[in-house]
Amino acid sequence: MRPPQVLVEAPAAITRQELENLPPGVSLAPGRIVLEGFQTVEEAQQKILALIMALGNDPDGFAERVTCQSTAINQ
């Protein structure tokens, strides 16, 4: 499988982002995606981009982290 196409320039570390080591202030839990601890628009954009790249690199792992168990059972 080839890596996802990047439509904006980003450092290689961001394009290879993994869910296991998201930046500080980015967290995932069942039913929750939290982005916090940024002071500027650029910092917020960096956190969002890291999350999106990690999601693209491991969509199944992302689904496991954010899916609520009760929702998964009812599907």
Protein backbone atom coordinates (compact mmCIF):
# COMPACT_ATOMS: atom_id res chain seq x y z
CA MET A 1 0.00 0.00 0.00
CA ARG A 2 1.41 3.40 -0.89
CA PRO A 3 1.42 6.29 1.57
CA PRO A 4 -1.47 8.76 1.43
CA GLN A 5 -1.07 11.69 -0.94
CA VAL A 6 -0.06 14.85 0.90
CA LEU A 7 -1.74 17.99 -0.42
CA VAL A 8 0.28 20.36 1.76
CA GLU A 9 3.99 20.38 2.44
CA ALA A 10 4.86 18.74 5.71
CA PRO A 11 8.03 17.40 7.30
CA ALA A 12 8.60 13.69 6.80
CA ALA A 13 8.08 13.14 10.54
CA ILE A 14 4.51 14.40 10.15
CA THR A 15 3.73 12.35 7.03
CA ARG A 16 4.90 9.21 8.89
CA GLN A 17 2.96 10.11 12.05
CA GLU A 18 1.80 7.15 14.12
CA LEU A 19 -1.12 7.00 16.52
CA GLU A 20 1.15 5.73 19.29
CA ASN A 21 3.13 8.98 19.43
CA LEU A 22 0.74 11.80 18.62
CA PRO A 23 1.95 15.26 19.67
CA PRO A 24 1.27 16.50 23.20
CA GLY A 25 -2.29 17.78 23.47
CA VAL A 26 -3.71 15.32 20.93
CA SER A 27 -5.58 12.41 22.45
CA LEU A 28 -8.07 9.79 21.36
CA ALA A 29 -10.57 7.81 23.41
CA PRO A 30 -13.86 6.08 22.68
CA GLY A 31 -16.23 8.83 21.55
CA ARG A 32 -13.59 11.58 21.99
CA ILE A 33 -10.97 13.37 19.92
CA VAL A 34 -9.18 16.07 21.91
CA LEU A 35 -6.91 18.81 20.55
CA GLU A 36 -5.61 21.17 23.22
CA GLY A 37 -2.58 23.11 24.35
CA PHE A 38 -2.03 25.29 21.30
CA GLN A 39 -1.47 29.04 21.36
CA THR A 40 -1.44 29.89 17.66
CA VAL A 41 -3.30 28.92 14.52
CA GLU A 42 -0.11 27.29 13.24
CA GLU A 43 0.21 25.11 16.34
CA ALA A 44 -3.43 24.05 15.99
CA GLN A 45 -2.88 23.25 12.31
CA GLN A 46 0.20 21.15 13.15
CA LYS A 47 -1.76 19.09 15.66
CA ILE A 48 -4.66 18.61 13.24
CA LEU A 49 -2.30 17.61 10.43
CA ALA A 50 -0.50 15.12 12.69
CA LEU A 51 -3.83 13.56 13.65
CA ILE A 52 -4.99 13.34 10.03
CA MET A 53 -1.71 11.78 8.89
CA ALA A 54 -1.81 9.23 11.73
CA LEU A 55 -5.42 8.40 10.81
CA GLY A 56 -4.40 7.92 7.18
CA ASN A 57 -1.45 5.74 8.16
CA ASP A 58 -3.52 3.49 10.44
CA PRO A 59 -7.28 3.81 9.81
CA ASP A 60 -8.06 0.56 11.65
CA GLY A 61 -6.09 1.63 14.71
CA PHE A 62 -7.88 4.99 14.67
CA ALA A 63 -11.26 3.24 14.53
CA GLU A 64 -10.29 1.00 17.46
CA ARG A 65 -9.34 4.00 19.58
CA VAL A 66 -12.41 6.19 18.93
CA THR A 67 -15.22 3.65 18.55
CA CYS A 68 -17.43 3.25 21.60
CA GLN A 69 -17.90 -0.39 22.56
CA SER A 70 -21.68 -0.08 22.89
CA THR A 71 -21.84 1.38 19.36
CA ALA A 72 -19.62 -1.36 17.93
CA ILE A 73 -21.78 -4.09 19.50
CA ASN A 74 -25.01 -2.63 18.10
CA GLN A 75 -23.77 -2.49 14.52
